[in-house]
Amino acid sequence: MKKRLVSLLLVFVLALTLVPSAFADSSDCGVSYCTCTGHCTYAYTNYRPEDSENHLYSVYCTGCGITAGVVLMEEHTFRNGECIYCGYEDVCYHDWTYREWDGCYWYEYCEDCGDLVDMGVSHGATRYEDWEYYSSSQHRRYAYCSDCGEGEYEYGRHSTREQYEQYTSSQHRVVDYCSTCDSNVGSATYESHSFSYGSWQNYNGTQHRRTKTCRDCGYSSYDYANHSFSYGSWTNSSDTQHRRTKTCNTCGYSTYEYASHSFSYGNWTNYSDDQHRRTKSCSCGYSTYEYADHADTNGDGKCDGCSKELTVIVDVKLDACGGVLTEDEVTVIFGDAYGELPEPTREGYIFDGWFTAETGGELVEKNTEVGSKTAHTLYAHWTQIKIFSVTVPAGLPLAVTENGEVTASTDAAIANNSTCDVRVTGVTLRTENGWTLVPFTYNMAAAKVDSKLIGFAIGGAASATEGNAESLALTGDWSIDAGGTLPLDYDANVSATSVGIDEQVLTVVFVVEEVT
């Protein structure tokens, strides 16, 4: 038992000595006269056999290099009959051994000398990952130990069968499929679908459809085709239409087709004082009456359709010729008086009466006898009431800066409110508030400040003389249509002022006359 404990201790020491550094930090390296301050480092040296069981070794400080005076002792650590530290050789027959495990790997040591006698592996149950594609001919899977996880790949050949995959509406793709690794193997080929068809079913009012399914890949779609109808007999549906059934010979879809009646007519017969009637019958069996008002287009006093003796009612259209009427059509009886007729109104005019012609003609009054059996028109005659009214601007604003720059209004105009055309025949200027009129072309740059000089132009006519008043020489057309306007384009040249001005400068007088 003691030997086993010693051996375990030696294994532990061996593990310590196998670390990359043989040095360690210590506050006491074991050298009583070490000159290092703080922490010093130490190492072991001078291993030498003592006896068959032990060897000796010394300690020295790596910081100052001083060797300890104390010699330490420990048991040999044998490998293949030799101590790995001091080199002492011993012969052992390894009669008693024990095992140490590293995962699934085991190491067998001699209990007497500690030598590694044997080693091996004892894996647990094998586990497998899923097969995966490896090459065009093989798949593989990873087999590993359930205890330590160590393993390797196993390889197997593909076991293929043809598999069809939908590719387009007209083709499918054929591949070699390995069910073991769930992979397509090799290159694909393409084939046309091989369809099987279902029964035709109604799709909409104009088409039916059927399913078509590929027997190989399962791709499914529809075939569409127009209905092929057979028709039943026409039967009445309403006052205006008859109908018949139409049934598709292929899918059985059925609906109605509608069409307007095609009538044949009987003779007109008198029905009332105002109307006659006739039968109208359709080939579908529907029959009814058609009614119409009596009419005498040839003026013989008889109905054109049923020959009934009629009172000749005459339609009279009233043309207001520019006026306004509450009703523009009346009916009268041939041979009777016209009676009271509606009277139109027209602004600016006096109604002269109804006449048989637009110009001239005969006056029709309430006692005038209706002499025509046919529809005719009466015309309103008018006498114009002349109105003369013209509106001129209340002012022609000018904005003047201190250096004489002028800005004129752009919306000034003369409005003709008359019932006749007018013309501006004269424009007169008269100065106000101490201002003097000068030619429009006057050099204002040479004028004194606050000299109150102004040159004025309007509608192409401009001041040409110096003084307090001037009648402008008009140019161009100054005519204004009835109800129209004449825009006034005006401008001014003003001498410089020292202060802003807000006063009347000119009085502009317009002379307007009627155009005859």
Protein backbone atom coordinates (compact mmCIF):
# COMPACT_ATOMS: atom_id res chain seq x y z
CA MET A 1 0.00 0.00 0.00
CA LYS A 2 2.83 2.42 0.79
CA LYS A 3 4.45 1.82 -2.57
CA ARG A 4 1.18 2.74 -4.35
CA LEU A 5 0.98 5.99 -2.43
CA VAL A 6 4.54 6.84 -3.23
CA SER A 7 3.97 6.08 -6.89
CA LEU A 8 0.96 8.37 -7.01
CA LEU A 9 3.03 11.10 -5.42
CA LEU A 10 5.72 10.63 -7.99
CA VAL A 11 3.20 10.91 -10.84
CA PHE A 12 2.05 14.15 -9.37
CA VAL A 13 5.60 15.47 -9.13
CA LEU A 14 6.19 14.41 -12.73
CA ALA A 15 3.19 16.40 -13.81
CA LEU A 16 4.60 19.42 -12.08
CA THR A 17 7.97 19.09 -13.71
CA LEU A 18 6.47 18.87 -17.18
CA VAL A 19 5.18 22.47 -17.15
CA PRO A 20 7.03 24.82 -19.58
CA SER A 21 8.93 26.61 -16.81
CA ALA A 22 10.92 24.99 -14.04
CA PHE A 23 10.76 28.18 -12.06
CA ALA A 24 8.26 29.46 -9.57
CA ASP A 25 7.71 32.62 -7.58
CA SER A 26 8.17 32.49 -3.86
CA SER A 27 8.74 34.87 -1.01
CA ASP A 28 11.17 32.33 0.43
CA CYS A 29 13.34 30.36 -1.95
CA GLY A 30 14.86 28.30 0.87
CA VAL A 31 18.19 30.07 0.70
CA SER A 32 18.74 31.64 4.06
CA TYR A 33 21.27 34.10 2.79
CA CYS A 34 19.58 35.00 -0.54
CA THR A 35 20.24 38.65 -1.46
CA CYS A 36 16.99 39.11 -3.54
CA THR A 37 14.44 41.55 -2.22
CA GLY A 38 10.73 40.94 -2.33
CA HIS A 39 9.85 37.81 -4.33
CA CYS A 40 12.65 35.62 -5.57
CA THR A 41 12.52 32.69 -7.96
CA TYR A 42 13.84 29.22 -7.41
CA ALA A 43 14.69 26.06 -9.35
CA TYR A 44 15.78 22.47 -8.64
CA THR A 45 19.14 21.10 -9.62
CA ASN A 46 21.80 18.46 -8.99
CA TYR A 47 19.58 15.32 -8.98
CA ARG A 48 21.59 12.24 -7.82
CA PRO A 49 20.69 8.73 -6.66
CA GLU A 50 20.57 8.07 -2.93
CA ASP A 51 19.42 4.41 -2.93
CA SER A 52 17.08 2.13 -4.85
CA GLU A 53 14.05 4.10 -3.74
CA ASN A 54 15.16 7.73 -3.47
CA HIS A 55 17.27 10.44 -5.02
CA LEU A 56 18.54 13.79 -3.74
CA TYR A 57 18.34 17.30 -5.26
CA SER A 58 19.27 20.87 -4.35
CA VAL A 59 17.49 24.26 -4.57
CA TYR A 60 19.00 27.49 -5.90
CA CYS A 61 17.73 31.05 -6.39
CA THR A 62 17.55 32.06 -10.05
CA GLY A 63 17.52 35.71 -9.06
CA CYS A 64 20.87 35.84 -7.29
CA GLY A 65 22.27 32.39 -8.21
CA ILE A 66 22.94 31.34 -4.62
CA THR A 67 22.50 27.58 -4.00
CA ALA A 68 20.63 26.42 -0.91
CA GLY A 69 22.55 24.54 1.68
CA VAL A 70 19.62 22.16 2.22
CA VAL A 71 19.39 18.94 0.19
CA LEU A 72 15.91 17.48 -0.43
CA MET A 73 14.93 13.82 -0.99
CA GLU A 74 12.13 12.21 -3.04
CA GLU A 75 11.28 8.81 -4.49
CA HIS A 76 12.44 7.79 -7.96
CA THR A 77 10.09 8.23 -10.92
CA PHE A 78 10.72 5.25 -13.20
CA ARG A 79 10.09 4.98 -16.92
CA ASN A 80 11.20 1.72 -18.50
CA GLY A 81 13.33 0.87 -15.43
CA GLU A 82 15.09 4.26 -15.26
CA CYS A 83 14.40 7.30 -13.04
CA ILE A 84 13.57 10.23 -15.28
CA TYR A 85 15.29 12.69 -12.89
CA CYS A 86 18.51 11.11 -11.57
CA GLY A 87 18.97 8.25 -14.11
CA TYR A 88 18.99 5.46 -11.51
CA GLU A 89 18.27 2.12 -13.15
CA ASP A 90 16.26 -0.61 -11.46
CA VAL A 91 14.84 -3.89 -12.68
CA CYS A 92 11.11 -4.47 -12.10
CA TYR A 93 8.84 -7.29 -13.39
CA HIS A 94 5.63 -5.22 -13.21
CA ASP A 95 3.75 -7.90 -11.32
CA TRP A 96 1.17 -5.45 -10.05
CA THR A 97 -0.38 -2.75 -12.26
CA TYR A 98 -3.18 -0.19 -12.21
CA ARG A 99 -4.97 1.93 -14.89
CA GLU A 100 -5.57 5.59 -15.32
CA TRP A 101 -8.20 6.90 -17.85
CA ASP A 102 -8.15 9.92 -20.16
CA GLY A 103 -11.56 9.91 -21.76
CA CYS A 104 -11.80 6.53 -23.51
CA TYR A 105 -8.01 6.09 -23.51
CA TRP A 106 -6.38 4.10 -20.65
CA TYR A 107 -2.81 3.91 -19.38
CA GLU A 108 -1.53 0.96 -17.32
CA TYR A 109 1.24 1.63 -14.76
CA CYS A 110 3.36 -0.70 -12.59
CA GLU A 111 2.45 -0.42 -8.93
CA ASP A 112 6.03 -1.20 -7.92
CA CYS A 113 8.09 1.02 -10.19
CA GLY A 114 5.50 3.33 -11.72
CA ASP A 115 6.46 2.46 -15.30
CA LEU A 116 3.90 2.80 -18.12
CA VAL A 117 3.34 -0.85 -18.96
CA ASP A 118 0.55 -0.67 -21.55
CA MET A 119 -2.06 1.63 -23.10
CA GLY A 120 -5.22 1.27 -25.20
CA VAL A 121 -8.68 2.55 -25.93
CA SER A 122 -12.17 1.30 -24.99
CA HIS A 123 -14.78 3.46 -26.71
CA GLY A 124 -18.41 3.47 -25.70
CA ALA A 125 -21.38 2.96 -28.00
CA THR A 126 -21.00 4.32 -31.54
CA ARG A 127 -23.33 7.11 -32.63
CA TYR A 128 -23.97 8.39 -36.15
CA GLU A 129 -24.75 11.74 -37.73
CA ASP A 130 -27.03 11.95 -40.78
CA TRP A 131 -25.78 10.87 -44.16
CA GLU A 132 -24.62 13.78 -46.32
CA TYR A 133 -23.74 14.22 -50.00
CA TYR A 134 -20.01 13.67 -50.59
CA SER A 135 -19.47 13.06 -54.29
CA SER A 136 -21.37 12.05 -57.40
CA SER A 137 -20.93 8.38 -56.37
CA GLN A 138 -20.77 8.48 -52.55
CA HIS A 139 -22.32 9.86 -49.43
CA ARG A 140 -20.84 9.85 -45.94
CA ARG A 141 -21.72 10.10 -42.29
CA TYR A 142 -19.71 10.76 -39.14
CA ALA A 143 -19.47 7.90 -36.62
CA TYR A 144 -18.32 8.87 -33.14
CA CYS A 145 -17.94 7.56 -29.60
CA SER A 146 -20.87 8.40 -27.39
CA ASP A 147 -18.50 8.94 -24.44
CA CYS A 148 -15.60 10.98 -25.81
CA GLY A 149 -16.94 12.16 -29.15
CA GLU A 150 -13.97 10.90 -31.15
CA GLY A 151 -14.84 9.43 -34.50
CA GLU A 152 -14.36 9.26 -38.26
CA TYR A 153 -16.38 9.30 -41.50
CA GLU A 154 -18.05 6.24 -42.99
CA TYR A 155 -18.66 6.23 -46.76
CA GLY A 156 -21.31 4.50 -48.84
CA ARG A 157 -22.46 4.45 -52.45
CA HIS A 158 -25.58 6.31 -53.53
CA SER A 159 -28.74 4.30 -53.95
CA THR A 160 -30.63 6.34 -56.60
CA ARG A 161 -34.01 6.42 -58.19
CA GLU A 162 -35.51 8.81 -60.73
CA GLN A 163 -37.35 11.80 -59.29
CA TYR A 164 -39.48 14.26 -61.26
CA GLU A 165 -39.64 17.97 -60.43
CA GLN A 166 -41.86 20.58 -62.08
CA TYR A 167 -39.72 22.99 -64.13
CA THR A 168 -41.99 25.04 -66.41
CA SER A 169 -45.61 24.87 -67.52
CA SER A 170 -44.54 22.58 -70.37
CA GLN A 171 -41.60 20.59 -68.89
CA HIS A 172 -40.43 18.77 -65.80
CA ARG A 173 -36.91 17.98 -64.72
CA VAL A 174 -35.70 14.41 -64.13
CA VAL A 175 -32.95 13.83 -61.55
CA ASP A 176 -31.33 10.81 -59.88
CA TYR A 177 -32.30 11.08 -56.22
CA CYS A 178 -30.55 9.32 -53.33
CA SER A 179 -32.99 8.87 -50.47
CA THR A 180 -30.20 7.98 -48.04
CA CYS A 181 -28.53 11.41 -48.14
CA ASP A 182 -31.57 13.29 -49.53
CA SER A 183 -29.58 14.64 -52.48
CA ASN A 184 -29.80 14.94 -56.25
CA VAL A 185 -26.99 13.04 -57.93
CA GLY A 186 -25.64 13.85 -61.36
CA SER A 187 -27.03 16.17 -64.02
CA ALA A 188 -30.72 16.67 -64.76
CA THR A 189 -32.65 15.93 -67.97
CA TYR A 190 -35.84 17.63 -69.13
CA GLU A 191 -39.03 16.09 -70.49
CA SER A 192 -42.43 17.35 -71.59
CA HIS A 193 -45.28 16.88 -69.15
CA SER A 194 -47.51 13.86 -69.59
CA PHE A 195 -50.96 15.15 -68.64
CA SER A 196 -54.11 13.49 -67.47
CA TYR A 197 -57.26 15.61 -67.65
CA GLY A 198 -60.24 16.17 -65.40
CA SER A 199 -63.80 16.97 -66.42
CA TRP A 200 -64.76 20.32 -67.87
CA GLN A 201 -66.28 22.71 -65.30
CA ASN A 202 -67.87 26.13 -65.79
CA TYR A 203 -65.44 29.00 -65.22
CA ASN A 204 -67.35 32.15 -66.25
CA GLY A 205 -70.02 33.28 -68.68
CA THR A 206 -67.83 32.69 -71.72
CA GLN A 207 -65.45 29.84 -70.75
CA HIS A 208 -65.17 26.50 -69.02
CA ARG A 209 -62.01 24.85 -67.71
CA ARG A 210 -60.57 21.49 -66.67
CA THR A 211 -57.60 20.44 -64.57
CA LYS A 212 -54.58 18.88 -66.21
CA THR A 213 -52.06 17.03 -64.05
CA CYS A 214 -48.68 15.61 -65.03
CA ARG A 215 -48.57 11.88 -64.29
CA ASP A 216 -44.85 12.05 -63.51
CA CYS A 217 -44.15 15.24 -61.52
CA GLY A 218 -47.64 16.14 -60.29
CA TYR A 219 -47.65 19.66 -61.85
CA SER A 220 -51.24 20.83 -62.14
CA SER A 221 -52.84 23.62 -64.16
CA TYR A 222 -56.02 24.48 -66.05
CA ASP A 223 -57.10 24.21 -69.67
CA TYR A 224 -59.61 26.89 -70.77
CA ALA A 225 -62.04 26.82 -73.69
CA ASN A 226 -65.07 28.79 -74.87
CA HIS A 227 -68.53 27.43 -74.20
CA SER A 228 -70.25 25.59 -77.04
CA PHE A 229 -73.95 26.47 -76.62
CA SER A 230 -77.20 24.88 -77.70
CA TYR A 231 -80.28 27.13 -77.49
CA GLY A 232 -83.88 26.73 -76.32
CA SER A 233 -86.96 28.52 -77.67
CA TRP A 234 -87.60 32.23 -77.15
CA THR A 235 -90.11 33.06 -74.39
CA ASN A 236 -91.34 36.44 -73.16
CA SER A 237 -89.30 38.11 -70.42
CA SER A 238 -90.59 41.71 -70.25
CA ASP A 239 -92.38 44.36 -72.30
CA THR A 240 -89.20 45.02 -74.24
CA GLN A 241 -87.36 41.66 -74.26
CA HIS A 242 -87.71 37.94 -74.71
CA ARG A 243 -85.23 35.30 -73.61
CA ARG A 244 -84.07 31.76 -74.27
CA THR A 245 -81.88 29.29 -72.41
CA LYS A 246 -78.42 28.54 -73.69
CA THR A 247 -76.62 25.47 -72.36
CA CYS A 248 -72.97 24.51 -72.91
CA ASN A 249 -72.77 21.07 -74.53
CA THR A 250 -69.40 20.43 -72.88
CA CYS A 251 -69.68 21.49 -69.21
CA GLY A 252 -73.44 21.88 -68.73
CA TYR A 253 -73.31 25.60 -67.82
CA SER A 254 -76.71 27.17 -68.45
CA THR A 255 -77.94 30.77 -68.54
CA TYR A 256 -80.35 33.05 -70.36
CA GLU A 257 -79.79 35.04 -73.55
CA TYR A 258 -81.91 38.18 -73.90
CA ALA A 259 -82.98 40.08 -77.00
CA SER A 260 -85.40 42.85 -77.86
CA HIS A 261 -88.80 41.87 -79.18
CA SER A 262 -89.19 41.83 -82.95
CA PHE A 263 -92.73 43.06 -83.47
CA SER A 264 -95.24 42.71 -86.26
CA TYR A 265 -98.04 45.31 -86.20
CA GLY A 266 -101.81 45.33 -86.85
CA ASN A 267 -103.86 48.25 -88.26
CA TRP A 268 -104.51 51.43 -86.31
CA THR A 269 -108.03 51.67 -84.84
CA ASN A 270 -109.62 54.57 -83.01
CA TYR A 271 -109.24 54.33 -79.25
CA SER A 272 -110.26 57.75 -77.87
CA ASP A 273 -110.68 61.37 -78.90
CA ASP A 274 -106.93 61.80 -78.54
CA GLN A 275 -105.46 58.43 -79.47
CA HIS A 276 -105.66 55.39 -81.67
CA ARG A 277 -104.00 51.98 -81.12
CA ARG A 278 -102.80 48.85 -82.84
CA THR A 279 -101.63 45.40 -81.74
CA LYS A 280 -97.96 44.49 -81.82
CA SER A 281 -96.93 40.83 -81.56
CA CYS A 282 -93.52 39.16 -81.18
CA SER A 283 -92.61 35.72 -82.55
CA CYS A 284 -92.08 34.62 -78.90
CA GLY A 285 -95.84 34.96 -78.32
CA TYR A 286 -95.83 38.25 -76.45
CA SER A 287 -98.58 40.65 -77.61
CA THR A 288 -99.69 44.11 -76.48
CA TYR A 289 -101.06 47.40 -77.76
CA GLU A 290 -99.18 50.39 -79.10
CA TYR A 291 -100.86 53.78 -78.58
CA ALA A 292 -100.33 57.03 -80.49
CA ASP A 293 -101.93 60.43 -80.72
CA HIS A 294 -104.12 61.26 -83.63
CA ALA A 295 -102.26 63.21 -86.32
CA ASP A 296 -103.36 65.10 -89.42
CA THR A 297 -100.21 65.86 -91.37
CA ASN A 298 -101.94 66.50 -94.69
CA GLY A 299 -104.48 68.90 -93.17
CA ASP A 300 -107.57 67.06 -94.37
CA GLY A 301 -109.14 66.99 -90.93
CA LYS A 302 -108.81 63.23 -90.59
CA CYS A 303 -106.35 61.14 -88.56
CA ASP A 304 -103.61 59.82 -90.82
CA GLY A 305 -103.59 56.49 -89.01
CA CYS A 306 -107.20 55.57 -88.21
CA SER A 307 -109.11 58.11 -90.39
CA LYS A 308 -111.05 59.51 -87.46
CA GLU A 309 -112.49 62.95 -88.05
CA LEU A 310 -110.37 65.34 -86.02
CA THR A 311 -110.30 68.79 -84.59
CA VAL A 312 -107.17 70.20 -86.18
CA ILE A 313 -104.85 71.24 -83.41
CA VAL A 314 -101.98 73.36 -84.62
CA ASP A 315 -98.65 73.72 -82.85
CA VAL A 316 -97.37 77.28 -82.84
CA LYS A 317 -93.77 77.99 -81.92
CA LEU A 318 -93.01 81.41 -80.49
CA ASP A 319 -89.59 82.87 -81.37
CA ALA A 320 -88.78 85.68 -78.89
CA CYS A 321 -85.96 86.95 -81.16
CA GLY A 322 -83.69 87.85 -78.27
CA GLY A 323 -86.40 88.22 -75.64
CA VAL A 324 -87.34 85.97 -72.73
CA LEU A 325 -90.52 83.79 -72.63
CA THR A 326 -92.04 81.64 -69.90
CA GLU A 327 -93.29 79.27 -72.64
CA ASP A 328 -92.20 79.17 -76.26
CA GLU A 329 -94.89 76.95 -77.74
CA VAL A 330 -98.71 77.02 -77.75
CA THR A 331 -101.45 74.99 -79.45
CA VAL A 332 -104.37 76.54 -81.32
CA ILE A 333 -107.31 75.15 -83.27
CA PHE A 334 -107.58 75.65 -86.97
CA GLY A 335 -110.31 78.18 -87.74
CA ASP A 336 -110.44 79.59 -84.20
CA ALA A 337 -108.79 82.82 -82.94
CA TYR A 338 -105.22 82.68 -81.62
CA GLY A 339 -106.40 84.07 -78.28
CA GLU A 340 -104.09 85.60 -75.71
CA LEU A 341 -100.46 84.78 -76.53
CA PRO A 342 -97.56 84.97 -74.05
CA GLU A 343 -95.77 88.32 -74.09
CA PRO A 344 -91.96 88.25 -73.99
CA THR A 345 -89.65 90.72 -72.30
CA ARG A 346 -86.27 92.10 -73.44
CA GLU A 347 -84.15 94.56 -71.54
CA GLY A 348 -83.78 97.81 -73.40
CA TYR A 349 -86.56 97.04 -75.88
CA ILE A 350 -90.34 97.59 -76.29
CA PHE A 351 -92.37 94.58 -77.49
CA ASP A 352 -94.24 95.48 -80.71
CA GLY A 353 -96.24 92.23 -81.04
CA TRP A 354 -96.18 88.78 -82.76
CA PHE A 355 -95.68 88.68 -86.54
CA THR A 356 -95.81 85.94 -89.17
CA ALA A 357 -92.24 86.71 -90.31
CA GLU A 358 -89.01 87.62 -88.54
CA THR A 359 -88.81 90.79 -90.62
CA GLY A 360 -92.01 92.30 -91.93
CA GLY A 361 -94.96 89.88 -92.01
CA GLU A 362 -98.44 90.33 -90.61
CA LEU A 363 -99.33 91.24 -87.04
CA VAL A 364 -101.09 88.43 -85.15
CA GLU A 365 -103.43 89.58 -82.40
CA LYS A 366 -105.69 87.64 -80.06
CA ASN A 367 -108.67 87.89 -82.44
CA THR A 368 -106.68 86.83 -85.50
CA GLU A 369 -108.09 83.58 -86.99
CA VAL A 370 -105.79 80.54 -87.29
CA GLY A 371 -105.56 80.07 -91.03
CA SER A 372 -103.01 77.22 -91.22
CA LYS A 373 -103.54 73.55 -90.34
CA THR A 374 -99.81 72.94 -90.05
CA ALA A 375 -97.37 73.94 -87.34
CA HIS A 376 -95.86 77.36 -87.81
CA THR A 377 -93.81 80.03 -86.02
CA LEU A 378 -94.65 83.53 -84.86
CA TYR A 379 -91.86 86.10 -84.38
CA ALA A 380 -91.50 88.86 -81.79
CA HIS A 381 -90.76 92.35 -83.12
CA TRP A 382 -88.94 94.90 -80.94
CA THR A 383 -88.18 98.61 -80.77
CA GLN A 384 -84.92 99.39 -79.00
CA ILE A 385 -84.82 101.81 -76.10
CA LYS A 386 -81.51 103.68 -76.34
CA ILE A 387 -79.48 104.07 -73.15
CA PHE A 388 -76.35 106.22 -73.03
CA SER A 389 -74.19 105.62 -69.94
CA VAL A 390 -70.42 105.81 -69.62
CA THR A 391 -68.29 105.38 -66.51
CA VAL A 392 -64.85 106.95 -66.39
CA PRO A 393 -62.22 106.36 -63.65
CA ALA A 394 -62.62 108.50 -60.55
CA GLY A 395 -58.88 109.08 -60.62
CA LEU A 396 -55.68 108.18 -62.45
CA PRO A 397 -53.22 107.53 -59.61
CA LEU A 398 -49.52 108.37 -59.99
CA ALA A 399 -46.86 107.32 -57.52
CA VAL A 400 -43.93 109.77 -57.63
CA THR A 401 -40.59 109.39 -55.84
CA GLU A 402 -38.44 112.29 -54.61
CA ASN A 403 -36.22 112.02 -57.72
CA GLY A 404 -39.19 112.18 -60.06
CA GLU A 405 -39.65 108.50 -60.94
CA VAL A 406 -43.32 107.83 -61.83
CA THR A 407 -45.37 104.64 -61.56
CA ALA A 408 -48.89 104.61 -63.08
CA SER A 409 -51.86 102.36 -62.32
CA THR A 410 -52.48 99.53 -64.81
CA ASP A 411 -56.20 98.85 -64.26
CA ALA A 412 -57.76 102.16 -65.32
CA ALA A 413 -60.51 101.85 -67.95
CA ILE A 414 -63.62 103.56 -69.37
CA ALA A 415 -66.76 101.36 -69.17
CA ASN A 416 -69.53 101.65 -71.79
CA ASN A 417 -72.83 100.91 -70.03
CA SER A 418 -74.85 102.03 -73.06
CA THR A 419 -77.01 100.03 -75.43
CA CYS A 420 -75.03 101.52 -78.30
CA ASP A 421 -71.38 101.78 -79.27
CA VAL A 422 -69.52 104.95 -78.20
CA ARG A 423 -66.23 106.66 -79.01
CA VAL A 424 -63.94 108.98 -77.06
CA THR A 425 -63.61 112.03 -79.29
CA GLY A 426 -61.58 114.32 -77.06
CA VAL A 427 -59.28 114.40 -74.02
CA THR A 428 -58.55 117.72 -72.25
CA LEU A 429 -55.95 118.28 -69.50
CA ARG A 430 -56.17 121.03 -66.88
CA THR A 431 -53.55 121.54 -64.16
CA GLU A 432 -54.38 121.91 -60.46
CA ASN A 433 -52.65 123.13 -57.27
CA GLY A 434 -50.00 125.26 -58.95
CA TRP A 435 -48.73 122.64 -61.41
CA THR A 436 -47.70 123.56 -64.93
CA LEU A 437 -48.28 121.39 -67.99
CA VAL A 438 -45.24 120.89 -70.22
CA PRO A 439 -44.59 118.68 -73.27
CA PHE A 440 -44.34 114.98 -72.38
CA THR A 441 -40.83 114.99 -73.85
CA TYR A 442 -39.65 117.84 -71.58
CA ASN A 443 -36.19 117.32 -70.02
CA MET A 444 -37.12 117.02 -66.35
CA ALA A 445 -33.48 116.46 -65.38
CA ALA A 446 -32.85 120.17 -66.04
CA ALA A 447 -35.93 121.34 -64.10
CA LYS A 448 -35.63 122.83 -60.63
CA VAL A 449 -36.65 120.83 -57.57
CA ASP A 450 -40.26 121.51 -56.54
CA SER A 451 -40.91 123.37 -59.82
CA LYS A 452 -44.16 121.33 -60.22
CA LEU A 453 -43.81 120.51 -63.88
CA ILE A 454 -45.68 117.59 -65.43
CA GLY A 455 -45.81 116.07 -68.94
CA PHE A 456 -48.72 113.64 -69.48
CA ALA A 457 -49.57 110.94 -72.07
CA ILE A 458 -52.62 108.68 -72.41
CA GLY A 459 -53.61 106.14 -75.07
CA GLY A 460 -50.90 107.31 -77.47
CA ALA A 461 -51.85 111.04 -77.09
CA ALA A 462 -49.39 113.28 -75.15
CA SER A 463 -49.06 116.87 -73.95
CA ALA A 464 -47.18 118.99 -76.48
CA THR A 465 -47.42 122.57 -75.20
CA GLU A 466 -46.62 124.45 -72.00
CA GLY A 467 -49.39 126.02 -69.89
CA ASN A 468 -52.29 125.19 -67.65
CA ALA A 469 -54.59 123.39 -70.12
CA GLU A 470 -54.37 121.42 -73.36
CA SER A 471 -56.65 119.34 -75.62
CA LEU A 472 -54.67 116.25 -76.68
CA ALA A 473 -54.44 115.20 -80.30
CA LEU A 474 -55.96 111.69 -80.22
CA THR A 475 -54.46 108.89 -82.28
CA GLY A 476 -55.69 105.37 -82.94
CA ASP A 477 -59.12 103.88 -82.23
CA TRP A 478 -60.92 105.11 -79.09
CA SER A 479 -64.18 103.16 -79.80
CA ILE A 480 -65.99 101.15 -77.07
CA ASP A 481 -68.55 98.48 -77.95
CA ALA A 482 -71.86 98.40 -76.07
CA GLY A 483 -71.17 96.77 -72.73
CA GLY A 484 -67.41 96.87 -73.33
CA THR A 485 -64.45 98.68 -71.78
CA LEU A 486 -61.52 100.75 -73.03
CA PRO A 487 -58.29 100.20 -71.01
CA LEU A 488 -56.41 103.44 -70.37
CA ASP A 489 -52.64 103.23 -70.80
CA TYR A 490 -51.22 106.44 -69.29
CA ASP A 491 -47.90 107.79 -68.09
CA ALA A 492 -46.32 111.05 -66.80
CA ASN A 493 -42.97 112.84 -66.43
CA VAL A 494 -42.71 114.85 -63.20
CA SER A 495 -40.03 117.22 -61.93
CA ALA A 496 -38.14 116.24 -58.79
CA THR A 497 -39.68 117.07 -55.41
CA SER A 498 -38.11 117.59 -52.03
CA VAL A 499 -41.02 116.05 -50.19
CA GLY A 500 -43.63 113.44 -50.98
CA ILE A 501 -46.72 114.67 -52.85
CA ASP A 502 -50.32 113.64 -52.19
CA GLU A 503 -52.49 116.09 -54.17
CA GLN A 504 -54.45 116.43 -57.40
CA VAL A 505 -52.18 117.43 -60.25
CA LEU A 506 -54.44 117.30 -63.31
CA THR A 507 -58.11 117.20 -64.21
CA VAL A 508 -58.62 114.89 -67.23
CA VAL A 509 -61.84 115.50 -69.19
CA PHE A 510 -63.08 112.82 -71.63
CA VAL A 511 -65.57 113.70 -74.42
CA VAL A 512 -67.66 110.60 -75.32
CA GLU A 513 -70.15 110.39 -78.21
CA GLU A 514 -72.53 107.73 -79.57
CA VAL A 515 -71.32 105.93 -82.65
CA THR A 516 -73.95 106.27 -85.35
